[in-house]
Amino acid sequence: MAIGPGSRLGPYEVTALLGEGGMGKVWRAHHTGLNRDDALKVLPDAFASDPDRLARFQREAQFLASLNHPNIAHVYGLERSDGVQALVMELVEGPTLAERIARGPIPVDEALSVARQIAEALEVAHEQGVIHRDLKPANIKLTPGGIVKVLDFGLAKRASADAADPDLSHSPTVTVAGTRDGVILGTAAYMSPEQARARPVDKRTDIWAFGCVLYEMLTGRPAFPGATVSDTIAKILEREPDWQALPAALPERGLELLQRCLAKDLAERRRDMHDIRLELDQVVRSLHSQSAPATTVAPAPATRRRRGSLWAAAALAALVLAAGTVWYRLPVSPLQVMRLNMDVSPASALTGLT
C-alpha cells in the first residue's frame, strides 16, 4: 500500500509529508473521529518485511509510551493497515532546533533555556532506563509557546540491555543495517567516541550528544565538522572542539560544563543528566549576576550620622550668626529687652537699666 496525501490509514487521512529519516517517513494525518491532527511515522515497505527492523520500530512505540514528560513528544499507539505499520505520535508544531540554528548562533540565555529542557527530557528517559542514542538538533522541536520537545527515540534501547550488544545508532549517510555486531548507527556529527568505535554505550553517550547540541546552539556550527562521515569520526576521536568559538558572554561554568560533557574519556565525562541540569542552573545564575547593572551603594550608617552632625552644626552656626546680628542692631541689649517684658517691679527694672 502506497502512502501519500489523500490516502487513508485506519481512522487517519494523510495530508502532508513532514520529514524523512533512516527509520521511515513522517506524515501529517487527520484523525477523522477525534478531529485531531497527529504525526504518523510509517515504516518503509522494505523494513516492514525485516523482523529486526520491525522489532526496533515496535520498541520505539513501547519506549515512547513509557515516557510521560512535557519535553518528550507523546506516542498514542500503532496503526496497521494493508501491511503498513505506522507509529502514531503527537504532532509538534514549530521549527526544529536545526532550523533555528541555521539562522545563526542562539543567544546564551536562550540556548541555556533550551538546553535545560533537553536535559529534563533525557533525565526522565534515563531514569526509566531509556537511552536516546540519536540526539541531534533535527530531533528537537521548538514549539511556538517556548516548549522544547525531544523526538524520535527510534534508536533508543534499554540501558539494562546486554552491555556487550554494540547495536548503536544510524547515520543518514550510512546504510541502515540490522542489529549486527560492529554496525555503526547514529548521526555522525553527534556520535560519542564509544559509538564511533562500535563499542557498548550507556547514558553517557546521550551526555556527549547533549554537549554537541549545546555547543552548536552557542556557536552556530557543529562541534566536530567534517566533509565526510570518516572525517567527522576522525575529529571526534582525535580532536577537541574549537573552544575559542564560544561566545564571550558564556560564563566560565558553562565552558567547564561543555568540556566535561565532551570528554572523550568516559571516566572524565559527566555521568548523570540530573547533575548537568543542576550545573545549568548555576551557569544561568552566573550569567545573570555578570549581566546585572551596577547599583549605587548606600552610605554606611556611621557615615550618614557624621553627615547629619555636620549639617546640624552648620545650621546651629548660621542661627548663632543671625542672632548675633539681631543683637548688634538692637538699641538695648537682649537682657534688657527680656527684663522689660517680664512682669517685675519698676524698681527692679530701673536697677537692671543702670
C-alpha atoms as a PDB file:
ATOM      1  CA  MET A   1       0.000   0.000   0.000  1.00  0.00           C
ATOM      2  CA  ALA A   2       1.463   3.365  -1.045  1.00  0.00           C
ATOM      3  CA  ILE A   3       1.138   6.220   1.447  1.00  0.00           C
ATOM      4  CA  GLY A   4       0.680   9.773   0.244  1.00  0.00           C
ATOM      5  CA  PRO A   5      -1.550  12.818   0.615  1.00  0.00           C
ATOM      6  CA  GLY A   6      -5.175  11.732   0.466  1.00  0.00           C
ATOM      7  CA  SER A   7      -4.540   8.096   1.390  1.00  0.00           C
ATOM      8  CA  ARG A   8      -6.114   6.573   4.485  1.00  0.00           C
ATOM      9  CA  LEU A   9      -4.629   4.509   7.291  1.00  0.00           C
ATOM     10  CA  GLY A  10      -7.274   3.313   9.707  1.00  0.00           C
ATOM     11  CA  PRO A  11      -9.103   6.382  11.046  1.00  0.00           C
ATOM     12  CA  TYR A  12      -6.423   8.702   9.609  1.00  0.00           C
ATOM     13  CA  GLU A  13      -6.379  10.678   6.410  1.00  0.00           C
ATOM     14  CA  VAL A  14      -2.815  11.529   5.345  1.00  0.00           C
ATOM     15  CA  THR A  15      -2.408  15.200   4.422  1.00  0.00           C
ATOM     16  CA  ALA A  16       1.288  16.110   4.049  1.00  0.00           C
ATOM     17  CA  LEU A  17       4.856  14.805   4.363  1.00  0.00           C
ATOM     18  CA  LEU A  18       6.642  16.226   7.436  1.00  0.00           C
ATOM     19  CA  GLY A  19      10.037  14.579   7.149  1.00  0.00           C
ATOM     20  CA  GLU A  20      12.037  11.505   6.298  1.00  0.00           C
ATOM     21  CA  GLY A  21      14.802   9.623   8.058  1.00  0.00           C
ATOM     22  CA  GLY A  22      16.511   6.281   8.234  1.00  0.00           C
ATOM     23  CA  MET A  23      13.598   4.716  10.074  1.00  0.00           C
ATOM     24  CA  GLY A  24      10.819   5.925   7.792  1.00  0.00           C
ATOM     25  CA  LYS A  25       8.728   8.859   6.630  1.00  0.00           C
ATOM     26  CA  VAL A  26       6.696  11.042   8.960  1.00  0.00           C
ATOM     27  CA  TRP A  27       3.324  12.253   7.695  1.00  0.00           C
ATOM     28  CA  ARG A  28       0.810  14.749   8.972  1.00  0.00           C
ATOM     29  CA  ALA A  29      -2.550  12.994   9.263  1.00  0.00           C
ATOM     30  CA  HIS A  30      -6.024  13.910  10.421  1.00  0.00           C
ATOM     31  CA  HIS A  31      -7.940  11.620  12.772  1.00  0.00           C
ATOM     32  CA  THR A  32     -11.460  11.874  11.378  1.00  0.00           C
ATOM     33  CA  GLY A  33     -13.089  10.535  14.532  1.00  0.00           C
ATOM     34  CA  LEU A  34     -11.279  12.754  17.025  1.00  0.00           C
ATOM     35  CA  ASN A  35     -10.952  15.737  14.646  1.00  0.00           C
ATOM     36  CA  ARG A  36      -7.267  15.967  15.576  1.00  0.00           C
ATOM     37  CA  ASP A  37      -4.047  16.173  13.589  1.00  0.00           C
ATOM     38  CA  ASP A  38      -1.309  13.734  14.569  1.00  0.00           C
ATOM     39  CA  ALA A  39       2.027  12.586  13.160  1.00  0.00           C
ATOM     40  CA  LEU A  40       2.315   9.138  11.566  1.00  0.00           C
ATOM     41  CA  LYS A  41       5.741   7.573  11.311  1.00  0.00           C
ATOM     42  CA  VAL A  42       5.407   4.984   8.579  1.00  0.00           C
ATOM     43  CA  LEU A  43       7.960   2.203   8.298  1.00  0.00           C
ATOM     44  CA  PRO A  44       9.241   1.739   4.726  1.00  0.00           C
ATOM     45  CA  ASP A  45       7.965  -1.341   2.887  1.00  0.00           C
ATOM     46  CA  ALA A  46      11.479  -2.798   2.762  1.00  0.00           C
ATOM     47  CA  PHE A  47      11.724  -2.540   6.541  1.00  0.00           C
ATOM     48  CA  ALA A  48       8.287  -3.974   7.257  1.00  0.00           C
ATOM     49  CA  SER A  49       9.417  -7.335   5.908  1.00  0.00           C
ATOM     50  CA  ASP A  50      12.584  -7.339   8.074  1.00  0.00           C
ATOM     51  CA  PRO A  51      11.895  -8.860  11.508  1.00  0.00           C
ATOM     52  CA  ASP A  52      14.780  -6.995  13.150  1.00  0.00           C
ATOM     53  CA  ARG A  53      13.729  -3.611  11.821  1.00  0.00           C
ATOM     54  CA  LEU A  54      10.104  -4.242  12.623  1.00  0.00           C
ATOM     55  CA  ALA A  55      11.071  -5.197  16.162  1.00  0.00           C
ATOM     56  CA  ARG A  56      13.030  -1.937  16.538  1.00  0.00           C
ATOM     57  CA  PHE A  57      10.021   0.002  15.274  1.00  0.00           C
ATOM     58  CA  GLN A  58       7.750  -1.674  17.813  1.00  0.00           C
ATOM     59  CA  ARG A  59      10.275  -0.994  20.589  1.00  0.00           C
ATOM     60  CA  GLU A  60      10.085   2.699  19.715  1.00  0.00           C
ATOM     61  CA  ALA A  61       6.362   2.631  20.412  1.00  0.00           C
ATOM     62  CA  GLN A  62       6.895   0.885  23.735  1.00  0.00           C
ATOM     63  CA  PHE A  63       9.697   3.228  24.788  1.00  0.00           C
ATOM     64  CA  LEU A  64       7.813   6.383  23.926  1.00  0.00           C
ATOM     65  CA  ALA A  65       4.640   5.119  25.573  1.00  0.00           C
ATOM     66  CA  SER A  66       6.577   4.722  28.832  1.00  0.00           C
ATOM     67  CA  LEU A  67       7.920   8.280  28.764  1.00  0.00           C
ATOM     68  CA  ASN A  68       5.497  10.875  30.061  1.00  0.00           C
ATOM     69  CA  HIS A  69       7.029  14.332  30.249  1.00  0.00           C
ATOM     70  CA  PRO A  70       6.205  17.767  28.780  1.00  0.00           C
ATOM     71  CA  ASN A  71       9.565  17.858  26.958  1.00  0.00           C
ATOM     72  CA  ILE A  72       9.086  14.468  25.251  1.00  0.00           C
ATOM     73  CA  ALA A  73       6.753  14.008  22.270  1.00  0.00           C
ATOM     74  CA  HIS A  74       3.910  11.675  23.265  1.00  0.00           C
ATOM     75  CA  VAL A  75       3.092   8.442  21.471  1.00  0.00           C
ATOM     76  CA  TYR A  76      -0.541   7.447  21.068  1.00  0.00           C
ATOM     77  CA  GLY A  77      -0.231   3.959  19.592  1.00  0.00           C
ATOM     78  CA  LEU A  78       0.348   1.862  16.488  1.00  0.00           C
ATOM     79  CA  GLU A  79      -1.747   1.655  13.335  1.00  0.00           C
ATOM     80  CA  ARG A  80      -1.626  -1.312  10.965  1.00  0.00           C
ATOM     81  CA  SER A  81      -3.469  -1.466   7.664  1.00  0.00           C
ATOM     82  CA  ASP A  82      -2.816  -3.443   4.470  1.00  0.00           C
ATOM     83  CA  GLY A  83       0.722  -4.314   5.529  1.00  0.00           C
ATOM     84  CA  VAL A  84       1.581  -0.733   6.534  1.00  0.00           C
ATOM     85  CA  GLN A  85       2.934  -0.152  10.041  1.00  0.00           C
ATOM     86  CA  ALA A  86       2.707   3.373  11.470  1.00  0.00           C
ATOM     87  CA  LEU A  87       3.560   4.861  14.826  1.00  0.00           C
ATOM     88  CA  VAL A  88       1.020   7.492  15.914  1.00  0.00           C
ATOM     89  CA  MET A  89       2.739  10.402  17.653  1.00  0.00           C
ATOM     90  CA  GLU A  90       1.932  13.829  18.987  1.00  0.00           C
ATOM     91  CA  LEU A  91       2.115  16.409  16.219  1.00  0.00           C
ATOM     92  CA  VAL A  92       4.539  19.063  17.445  1.00  0.00           C
ATOM     93  CA  GLU A  93       4.243  22.393  15.678  1.00  0.00           C
ATOM     94  CA  GLY A  94       7.185  24.722  15.246  1.00  0.00           C
ATOM     95  CA  PRO A  95      10.681  24.556  13.755  1.00  0.00           C
ATOM     96  CA  THR A  96      13.321  22.013  14.633  1.00  0.00           C
ATOM     97  CA  LEU A  97      16.345  23.171  16.565  1.00  0.00           C
ATOM     98  CA  ALA A  98      18.380  22.503  13.402  1.00  0.00           C
ATOM     99  CA  GLU A  99      16.238  25.022  11.504  1.00  0.00           C
ATOM    100  CA  ARG A 100      16.692  27.568  14.294  1.00  0.00           C
ATOM    101  CA  ILE A 101      20.477  27.107  14.345  1.00  0.00           C
ATOM    102  CA  ALA A 102      20.588  27.518  10.555  1.00  0.00           C
ATOM    103  CA  ARG A 103      19.679  31.189  11.139  1.00  0.00           C
ATOM    104  CA  GLY A 104      22.777  31.682  13.301  1.00  0.00           C
ATOM    105  CA  PRO A 105      24.026  31.157  16.881  1.00  0.00           C
ATOM    106  CA  ILE A 106      21.406  31.297  19.614  1.00  0.00           C
ATOM    107  CA  PRO A 107      21.873  33.922  22.381  1.00  0.00           C
ATOM    108  CA  VAL A 108      23.409  32.436  25.512  1.00  0.00           C
ATOM    109  CA  ASP A 109      20.373  32.872  27.767  1.00  0.00           C
ATOM    110  CA  GLU A 110      18.036  31.332  25.171  1.00  0.00           C
ATOM    111  CA  ALA A 111      20.424  28.462  24.448  1.00  0.00           C
ATOM    112  CA  LEU A 112      20.711  27.649  28.157  1.00  0.00           C
ATOM    113  CA  SER A 113      16.912  27.614  28.489  1.00  0.00           C
ATOM    114  CA  VAL A 114      16.597  25.163  25.582  1.00  0.00           C
ATOM    115  CA  ALA A 115      19.446  23.049  26.973  1.00  0.00           C
ATOM    116  CA  ARG A 116      17.785  22.811  30.372  1.00  0.00           C
ATOM    117  CA  GLN A 117      14.573  21.458  28.845  1.00  0.00           C
ATOM    118  CA  ILE A 118      16.524  18.918  26.805  1.00  0.00           C
ATOM    119  CA  ALA A 119      18.324  17.880  29.990  1.00  0.00           C
ATOM    120  CA  GLU A 120      14.994  17.357  31.770  1.00  0.00           C
ATOM    121  CA  ALA A 121      13.724  15.137  28.947  1.00  0.00           C
ATOM    122  CA  LEU A 122      16.881  13.000  28.949  1.00  0.00           C
ATOM    123  CA  GLU A 123      16.906  12.808  32.732  1.00  0.00           C
ATOM    124  CA  VAL A 124      13.403  11.320  32.731  1.00  0.00           C
ATOM    125  CA  ALA A 125      14.288   8.888  29.931  1.00  0.00           C
ATOM    126  CA  HIS A 126      17.457   7.750  31.698  1.00  0.00           C
ATOM    127  CA  GLU A 127      15.566   7.241  34.956  1.00  0.00           C
ATOM    128  CA  GLN A 128      13.317   4.800  33.092  1.00  0.00           C
ATOM    129  CA  GLY A 129      16.290   3.010  31.531  1.00  0.00           C
ATOM    130  CA  VAL A 130      15.970   4.512  28.045  1.00  0.00           C
ATOM    131  CA  ILE A 131      18.972   5.872  26.126  1.00  0.00           C
ATOM    132  CA  HIS A 132      18.117   8.043  23.133  1.00  0.00           C
ATOM    133  CA  ARG A 133      21.367   7.435  21.171  1.00  0.00           C
ATOM    134  CA  ASP A 134      20.427   9.769  18.315  1.00  0.00           C
ATOM    135  CA  LEU A 135      20.052  13.155  19.995  1.00  0.00           C
ATOM    136  CA  LYS A 136      20.643  15.964  17.472  1.00  0.00           C
ATOM    137  CA  PRO A 137      19.087  19.338  16.586  1.00  0.00           C
ATOM    138  CA  ALA A 138      16.903  17.740  13.888  1.00  0.00           C
ATOM    139  CA  ASN A 139      15.271  15.564  16.576  1.00  0.00           C
ATOM    140  CA  ILE A 140      14.389  18.521  18.802  1.00  0.00           C
ATOM    141  CA  LYS A 141      11.375  20.767  18.201  1.00  0.00           C
ATOM    142  CA  LEU A 142      10.779  24.315  19.456  1.00  0.00           C
ATOM    143  CA  THR A 143       7.073  24.990  19.886  1.00  0.00           C
ATOM    144  CA  PRO A 144       5.565  28.485  19.441  1.00  0.00           C
ATOM    145  CA  GLY A 145       4.917  28.506  23.198  1.00  0.00           C
ATOM    146  CA  GLY A 146       8.606  28.065  24.010  1.00  0.00           C
ATOM    147  CA  ILE A 147       8.352  24.390  24.990  1.00  0.00           C
ATOM    148  CA  VAL A 148      11.149  22.088  23.814  1.00  0.00           C
ATOM    149  CA  LYS A 149      10.149  18.625  22.604  1.00  0.00           C
ATOM    150  CA  VAL A 150      12.641  15.789  22.138  1.00  0.00           C
ATOM    151  CA  LEU A 151      11.558  13.480  19.304  1.00  0.00           C
ATOM    152  CA  ASP A 152      12.498  10.156  17.756  1.00  0.00           C
ATOM    153  CA  PHE A 153      13.535   7.587  20.295  1.00  0.00           C
ATOM    154  CA  GLY A 154      13.551   5.083  17.435  1.00  0.00           C
ATOM    155  CA  LEU A 155      17.170   4.180  18.068  1.00  0.00           C
ATOM    156  CA  ALA A 156      16.773   4.050  21.820  1.00  0.00           C
ATOM    157  CA  LYS A 157      17.482   0.938  23.783  1.00  0.00           C
ATOM    158  CA  ARG A 158      17.042  -0.120  27.357  1.00  0.00           C
ATOM    159  CA  ALA A 159      20.037   0.789  29.494  1.00  0.00           C
ATOM    160  CA  SER A 160      19.613  -2.544  31.227  1.00  0.00           C
ATOM    161  CA  ALA A 161      20.112  -4.436  27.950  1.00  0.00           C
ATOM    162  CA  ASP A 162      23.164  -6.584  27.386  1.00  0.00           C
ATOM    163  CA  ALA A 163      26.136  -4.221  27.693  1.00  0.00           C
ATOM    164  CA  ALA A 164      28.047  -6.304  25.168  1.00  0.00           C
ATOM    165  CA  ASP A 165      25.486  -5.553  22.420  1.00  0.00           C
ATOM    166  CA  PRO A 166      27.006  -2.857  20.207  1.00  0.00           C
ATOM    167  CA  ASP A 167      23.671  -2.100  18.479  1.00  0.00           C
ATOM    168  CA  LEU A 168      24.241   1.620  18.178  1.00  0.00           C
ATOM    169  CA  SER A 169      22.537   4.357  16.152  1.00  0.00           C
ATOM    170  CA  HIS A 170      22.403   5.017  12.435  1.00  0.00           C
ATOM    171  CA  SER A 171      23.814   7.771  10.298  1.00  0.00           C
ATOM    172  CA  PRO A 172      21.732   9.062   7.396  1.00  0.00           C
ATOM    173  CA  THR A 173      24.874   8.807   5.266  1.00  0.00           C
ATOM    174  CA  VAL A 174      25.375   5.141   6.191  1.00  0.00           C
ATOM    175  CA  THR A 175      23.110   2.330   5.041  1.00  0.00           C
ATOM    176  CA  VAL A 176      20.803   1.353   7.882  1.00  0.00           C
ATOM    177  CA  ALA A 177      21.526  -2.155   8.972  1.00  0.00           C
ATOM    178  CA  GLY A 178      20.139  -4.599  11.462  1.00  0.00           C
ATOM    179  CA  THR A 179      21.442  -5.370  14.912  1.00  0.00           C
ATOM    180  CA  ARG A 180      24.703  -6.971  13.803  1.00  0.00           C
ATOM    181  CA  ASP A 181      27.916  -6.614  15.780  1.00  0.00           C
ATOM    182  CA  GLY A 182      30.181  -3.820  14.658  1.00  0.00           C
ATOM    183  CA  VAL A 183      27.498  -1.847  12.802  1.00  0.00           C
ATOM    184  CA  ILE A 184      27.825   1.918  13.331  1.00  0.00           C
ATOM    185  CA  LEU A 185      24.458   3.586  13.815  1.00  0.00           C
ATOM    186  CA  GLY A 186      23.674   7.195  14.667  1.00  0.00           C
ATOM    187  CA  THR A 187      24.197  10.585  13.051  1.00  0.00           C
ATOM    188  CA  ALA A 188      27.934  11.041  12.659  1.00  0.00           C
ATOM    189  CA  ALA A 189      28.399  14.605  13.958  1.00  0.00           C
ATOM    190  CA  TYR A 190      26.779  13.758  17.311  1.00  0.00           C
ATOM    191  CA  MET A 191      28.164  10.271  17.888  1.00  0.00           C
ATOM    192  CA  SER A 192      30.182   9.688  21.011  1.00  0.00           C
ATOM    193  CA  PRO A 193      33.678   8.174  20.697  1.00  0.00           C
ATOM    194  CA  GLU A 194      32.379   4.855  22.002  1.00  0.00           C
ATOM    195  CA  GLN A 195      29.591   4.877  19.388  1.00  0.00           C
ATOM    196  CA  ALA A 196      32.070   5.674  16.624  1.00  0.00           C
ATOM    197  CA  ARG A 197      34.150   2.675  17.716  1.00  0.00           C
ATOM    198  CA  ALA A 198      31.032   0.455  17.787  1.00  0.00           C
ATOM    199  CA  ARG A 199      31.509  -0.209  21.494  1.00  0.00           C
ATOM    200  CA  PRO A 200      28.834  -0.657  24.177  1.00  0.00           C
ATOM    201  CA  VAL A 201      27.076   2.545  25.174  1.00  0.00           C
ATOM    202  CA  ASP A 202      25.276   3.840  28.237  1.00  0.00           C
ATOM    203  CA  LYS A 203      23.588   7.126  29.153  1.00  0.00           C
ATOM    204  CA  ARG A 204      26.926   8.945  28.853  1.00  0.00           C
ATOM    205  CA  THR A 205      26.599   8.692  25.074  1.00  0.00           C
ATOM    206  CA  ASP A 206      23.490  10.923  25.364  1.00  0.00           C
ATOM    207  CA  ILE A 207      25.512  13.300  27.540  1.00  0.00           C
ATOM    208  CA  TRP A 208      28.114  13.574  24.769  1.00  0.00           C
ATOM    209  CA  ALA A 209      25.395  14.322  22.193  1.00  0.00           C
ATOM    210  CA  PHE A 210      23.866  16.860  24.588  1.00  0.00           C
ATOM    211  CA  GLY A 211      27.232  18.641  24.740  1.00  0.00           C
ATOM    212  CA  CYS A 212      27.419  18.652  20.927  1.00  0.00           C
ATOM    213  CA  VAL A 213      23.929  20.159  20.678  1.00  0.00           C
ATOM    214  CA  LEU A 214      24.644  22.864  23.265  1.00  0.00           C
ATOM    215  CA  TYR A 215      27.937  23.757  21.571  1.00  0.00           C
ATOM    216  CA  GLU A 216      26.175  24.060  18.209  1.00  0.00           C
ATOM    217  CA  MET A 217      23.451  26.266  19.671  1.00  0.00           C
ATOM    218  CA  LEU A 218      26.045  28.659  21.094  1.00  0.00           C
ATOM    219  CA  THR A 219      28.340  28.799  18.060  1.00  0.00           C
ATOM    220  CA  GLY A 220      26.044  28.077  15.114  1.00  0.00           C
ATOM    221  CA  ARG A 221      28.315  25.272  13.891  1.00  0.00           C
ATOM    222  CA  PRO A 222      28.928  21.610  14.788  1.00  0.00           C
ATOM    223  CA  ALA A 223      31.445  20.752  17.462  1.00  0.00           C
ATOM    224  CA  PHE A 224      33.077  18.249  15.095  1.00  0.00           C
ATOM    225  CA  PRO A 225      32.521  19.369  11.485  1.00  0.00           C
ATOM    226  CA  GLY A 226      33.680  17.160   8.629  1.00  0.00           C
ATOM    227  CA  ALA A 227      33.176  16.901   4.890  1.00  0.00           C
ATOM    228  CA  THR A 228      32.556  13.147   5.143  1.00  0.00           C
ATOM    229  CA  VAL A 229      31.488  10.685   7.791  1.00  0.00           C
ATOM    230  CA  SER A 230      35.087   9.435   8.037  1.00  0.00           C
ATOM    231  CA  ASP A 231      36.419  12.976   8.533  1.00  0.00           C
ATOM    232  CA  THR A 232      33.841  13.664  11.211  1.00  0.00           C
ATOM    233  CA  ILE A 233      34.564  10.458  13.095  1.00  0.00           C
ATOM    234  CA  ALA A 234      38.297  11.152  12.932  1.00  0.00           C
ATOM    235  CA  LYS A 235      37.764  14.554  14.569  1.00  0.00           C
ATOM    236  CA  ILE A 236      35.518  13.041  17.225  1.00  0.00           C
ATOM    237  CA  LEU A 237      38.211  10.531  18.120  1.00  0.00           C
ATOM    238  CA  GLU A 238      41.286  12.756  17.859  1.00  0.00           C
ATOM    239  CA  ARG A 239      40.475  16.461  18.213  1.00  0.00           C
ATOM    240  CA  GLU A 240      38.894  18.952  20.591  1.00  0.00           C
ATOM    241  CA  PRO A 241      36.146  21.402  19.592  1.00  0.00           C
ATOM    242  CA  ASP A 242      37.185  24.982  18.895  1.00  0.00           C
ATOM    243  CA  TRP A 243      36.577  26.343  22.385  1.00  0.00           C
ATOM    244  CA  GLN A 244      37.539  29.855  21.199  1.00  0.00           C
ATOM    245  CA  ALA A 245      34.385  29.908  19.069  1.00  0.00           C
ATOM    246  CA  LEU A 246      32.150  30.015  22.153  1.00  0.00           C
ATOM    247  CA  PRO A 247      30.593  33.428  22.870  1.00  0.00           C
ATOM    248  CA  ALA A 248      32.365  35.678  25.365  1.00  0.00           C
ATOM    249  CA  ALA A 249      29.088  36.044  27.290  1.00  0.00           C
ATOM    250  CA  LEU A 250      29.158  32.358  28.296  1.00  0.00           C
ATOM    251  CA  PRO A 251      30.228  32.129  31.966  1.00  0.00           C
ATOM    252  CA  GLU A 252      33.299  30.082  32.859  1.00  0.00           C
ATOM    253  CA  ARG A 253      30.999  27.484  34.436  1.00  0.00           C
ATOM    254  CA  GLY A 254      29.397  26.962  31.027  1.00  0.00           C
ATOM    255  CA  LEU A 255      32.739  26.232  29.386  1.00  0.00           C
ATOM    256  CA  GLU A 256      33.611  23.774  32.156  1.00  0.00           C
ATOM    257  CA  LEU A 257      30.267  22.012  31.741  1.00  0.00           C
ATOM    258  CA  LEU A 258      30.764  21.630  27.983  1.00  0.00           C
ATOM    259  CA  GLN A 259      34.286  20.311  28.439  1.00  0.00           C
ATOM    260  CA  ARG A 260      33.067  17.657  30.886  1.00  0.00           C
ATOM    261  CA  CYS A 261      30.182  16.651  28.587  1.00  0.00           C
ATOM    262  CA  LEU A 262      32.581  16.298  25.630  1.00  0.00           C
ATOM    263  CA  ALA A 263      35.345  14.458  27.461  1.00  0.00           C
ATOM    264  CA  LYS A 264      36.482  11.596  25.232  1.00  0.00           C
ATOM    265  CA  ASP A 265      37.441   9.522  28.266  1.00  0.00           C
ATOM    266  CA  LEU A 266      34.274   8.056  29.762  1.00  0.00           C
ATOM    267  CA  ALA A 267      35.783   8.257  33.229  1.00  0.00           C
ATOM    268  CA  GLU A 268      36.079  12.047  32.896  1.00  0.00           C
ATOM    269  CA  ARG A 269      32.714  12.673  31.278  1.00  0.00           C
ATOM    270  CA  ARG A 270      29.699  13.775  33.293  1.00  0.00           C
ATOM    271  CA  ARG A 271      27.711  10.703  34.305  1.00  0.00           C
ATOM    272  CA  ASP A 272      24.239  11.955  35.094  1.00  0.00           C
ATOM    273  CA  MET A 273      21.758  14.351  33.459  1.00  0.00           C
ATOM    274  CA  HIS A 274      20.422  15.343  36.871  1.00  0.00           C
ATOM    275  CA  ASP A 275      23.814  16.787  37.806  1.00  0.00           C
ATOM    276  CA  ILE A 276      24.041  18.514  34.429  1.00  0.00           C
ATOM    277  CA  ARG A 277      20.652  20.144  34.951  1.00  0.00           C
ATOM    278  CA  LEU A 278      21.792  21.494  38.315  1.00  0.00           C
ATOM    279  CA  GLU A 279      25.012  22.778  36.730  1.00  0.00           C
ATOM    280  CA  LEU A 280      22.981  24.525  34.031  1.00  0.00           C
ATOM    281  CA  ASP A 281      21.073  26.346  36.765  1.00  0.00           C
ATOM    282  CA  GLN A 282      24.399  27.533  38.183  1.00  0.00           C
ATOM    283  CA  VAL A 283      25.517  28.712  34.756  1.00  0.00           C
ATOM    284  CA  VAL A 284      22.275  30.684  34.372  1.00  0.00           C
ATOM    285  CA  ARG A 285      22.791  32.310  37.774  1.00  0.00           C
ATOM    286  CA  SER A 286      26.366  33.207  36.832  1.00  0.00           C
ATOM    287  CA  LEU A 287      25.117  34.707  33.556  1.00  0.00           C
ATOM    288  CA  HIS A 288      22.542  36.854  35.331  1.00  0.00           C
ATOM    289  CA  SER A 289      24.984  38.004  38.016  1.00  0.00           C
ATOM    290  CA  GLN A 290      27.601  39.118  35.493  1.00  0.00           C
ATOM    291  CA  SER A 291      24.999  40.999  33.424  1.00  0.00           C
ATOM    292  CA  ALA A 292      23.249  42.706  36.375  1.00  0.00           C
ATOM    293  CA  PRO A 293      23.577  46.554  36.266  1.00  0.00           C
ATOM    294  CA  ALA A 294      25.834  48.196  38.851  1.00  0.00           C
ATOM    295  CA  THR A 295      23.972  49.742  41.802  1.00  0.00           C
ATOM    296  CA  THR A 296      24.920  52.718  43.993  1.00  0.00           C
ATOM    297  CA  VAL A 297      25.984  51.550  47.417  1.00  0.00           C
ATOM    298  CA  ALA A 298      24.149  53.358  50.221  1.00  0.00           C
ATOM    299  CA  PRO A 299      26.359  55.146  52.774  1.00  0.00           C
ATOM    300  CA  ALA A 300      27.124  53.235  55.928  1.00  0.00           C
ATOM    301  CA  PRO A 301      25.027  54.237  58.981  1.00  0.00           C
ATOM    302  CA  ALA A 302      28.056  55.800  60.674  1.00  0.00           C
ATOM    303  CA  THR A 303      28.753  57.905  57.590  1.00  0.00           C
ATOM    304  CA  ARG A 304      25.155  59.056  57.494  1.00  0.00           C
ATOM    305  CA  ARG A 305      25.350  60.033  61.183  1.00  0.00           C
ATOM    306  CA  ARG A 306      28.529  62.046  60.584  1.00  0.00           C
ATOM    307  CA  ARG A 307      26.903  63.844  57.691  1.00  0.00           C
ATOM    308  CA  GLY A 308      23.852  64.587  59.846  1.00  0.00           C
ATOM    309  CA  SER A 309      26.058  66.034  62.586  1.00  0.00           C
ATOM    310  CA  LEU A 310      27.824  68.291  60.103  1.00  0.00           C
ATOM    311  CA  TRP A 311      24.533  69.622  58.785  1.00  0.00           C
ATOM    312  CA  ALA A 312      23.288  70.244  62.348  1.00  0.00           C
ATOM    313  CA  ALA A 313      26.489  72.092  63.264  1.00  0.00           C
ATOM    314  CA  ALA A 314      26.222  74.263  60.154  1.00  0.00           C
ATOM    315  CA  ALA A 315      22.606  75.096  60.909  1.00  0.00           C
ATOM    316  CA  LEU A 316      23.468  75.997  64.524  1.00  0.00           C
ATOM    317  CA  ALA A 317      26.326  78.240  63.371  1.00  0.00           C
ATOM    318  CA  ALA A 318      24.002  80.055  60.976  1.00  0.00           C
ATOM    319  CA  LEU A 319      21.453  80.511  63.730  1.00  0.00           C
ATOM    320  CA  VAL A 320      24.042  81.932  66.131  1.00  0.00           C
ATOM    321  CA  LEU A 321      25.316  84.318  63.456  1.00  0.00           C
ATOM    322  CA  ALA A 322      21.820  85.539  62.718  1.00  0.00           C
ATOM    323  CA  ALA A 323      21.080  86.014  66.397  1.00  0.00           C
ATOM    324  CA  GLY A 324      24.312  87.996  66.882  1.00  0.00           C
ATOM    325  CA  THR A 325      23.383  90.308  64.042  1.00  0.00           C
ATOM    326  CA  VAL A 326      19.996  90.981  65.603  1.00  0.00           C
ATOM    327  CA  TRP A 327      21.530  91.660  68.989  1.00  0.00           C
ATOM    328  CA  TYR A 328      24.034  94.107  67.497  1.00  0.00           C
ATOM    329  CA  ARG A 329      21.282  96.176  65.884  1.00  0.00           C
ATOM    330  CA  LEU A 330      19.026  96.483  68.956  1.00  0.00           C
ATOM    331  CA  PRO A 331      19.146  99.833  70.834  1.00  0.00           C
ATOM    332  CA  VAL A 332      19.267  97.916  74.078  1.00  0.00           C
ATOM    333  CA  SER A 333      20.730  94.555  74.986  1.00  0.00           C
ATOM    334  CA  PRO A 334      18.651  91.409  74.729  1.00  0.00           C
ATOM    335  CA  LEU A 335      18.841  91.040  78.500  1.00  0.00           C
ATOM    336  CA  GLN A 336      17.293  94.495  78.975  1.00  0.00           C
ATOM    337  CA  VAL A 337      14.537  93.621  76.490  1.00  0.00           C
ATOM    338  CA  MET A 338      13.830  90.436  78.371  1.00  0.00           C
ATOM    339  CA  ARG A 339      13.591  92.257  81.689  1.00  0.00           C
ATOM    340  CA  LEU A 340      11.344  94.981  80.287  1.00  0.00           C
ATOM    341  CA  ASN A 341       8.949  92.323  79.040  1.00  0.00           C
ATOM    342  CA  MET A 342       8.930  90.491  82.349  1.00  0.00           C
ATOM    343  CA  ASP A 343       6.314  91.170  84.993  1.00  0.00           C
ATOM    344  CA  VAL A 344       8.693  92.762  87.587  1.00  0.00           C
ATOM    345  CA  SER A 345       8.575  95.877  89.763  1.00  0.00           C
ATOM    346  CA  PRO A 346       9.626  99.266  88.270  1.00  0.00           C
ATOM    347  CA  ALA A 347      12.414  99.460  90.741  1.00  0.00           C
ATOM    348  CA  SER A 348      13.850  96.166  89.689  1.00  0.00           C
ATOM    349  CA  ALA A 349      13.572  97.176  86.046  1.00  0.00           C
ATOM    350  CA  LEU A 350      15.358 100.522  86.779  1.00  0.00           C
ATOM    351  CA  THR A 351      18.046  98.610  88.627  1.00  0.00           C
ATOM    352  CA  GLY A 352      18.557  96.444  85.591  1.00  0.00           C
ATOM    353  CA  LEU A 353      18.991  99.551  83.385  1.00  0.00           C
ATOM    354  CA  THR A 354      21.736 101.184  85.493  1.00  0.00           C
END
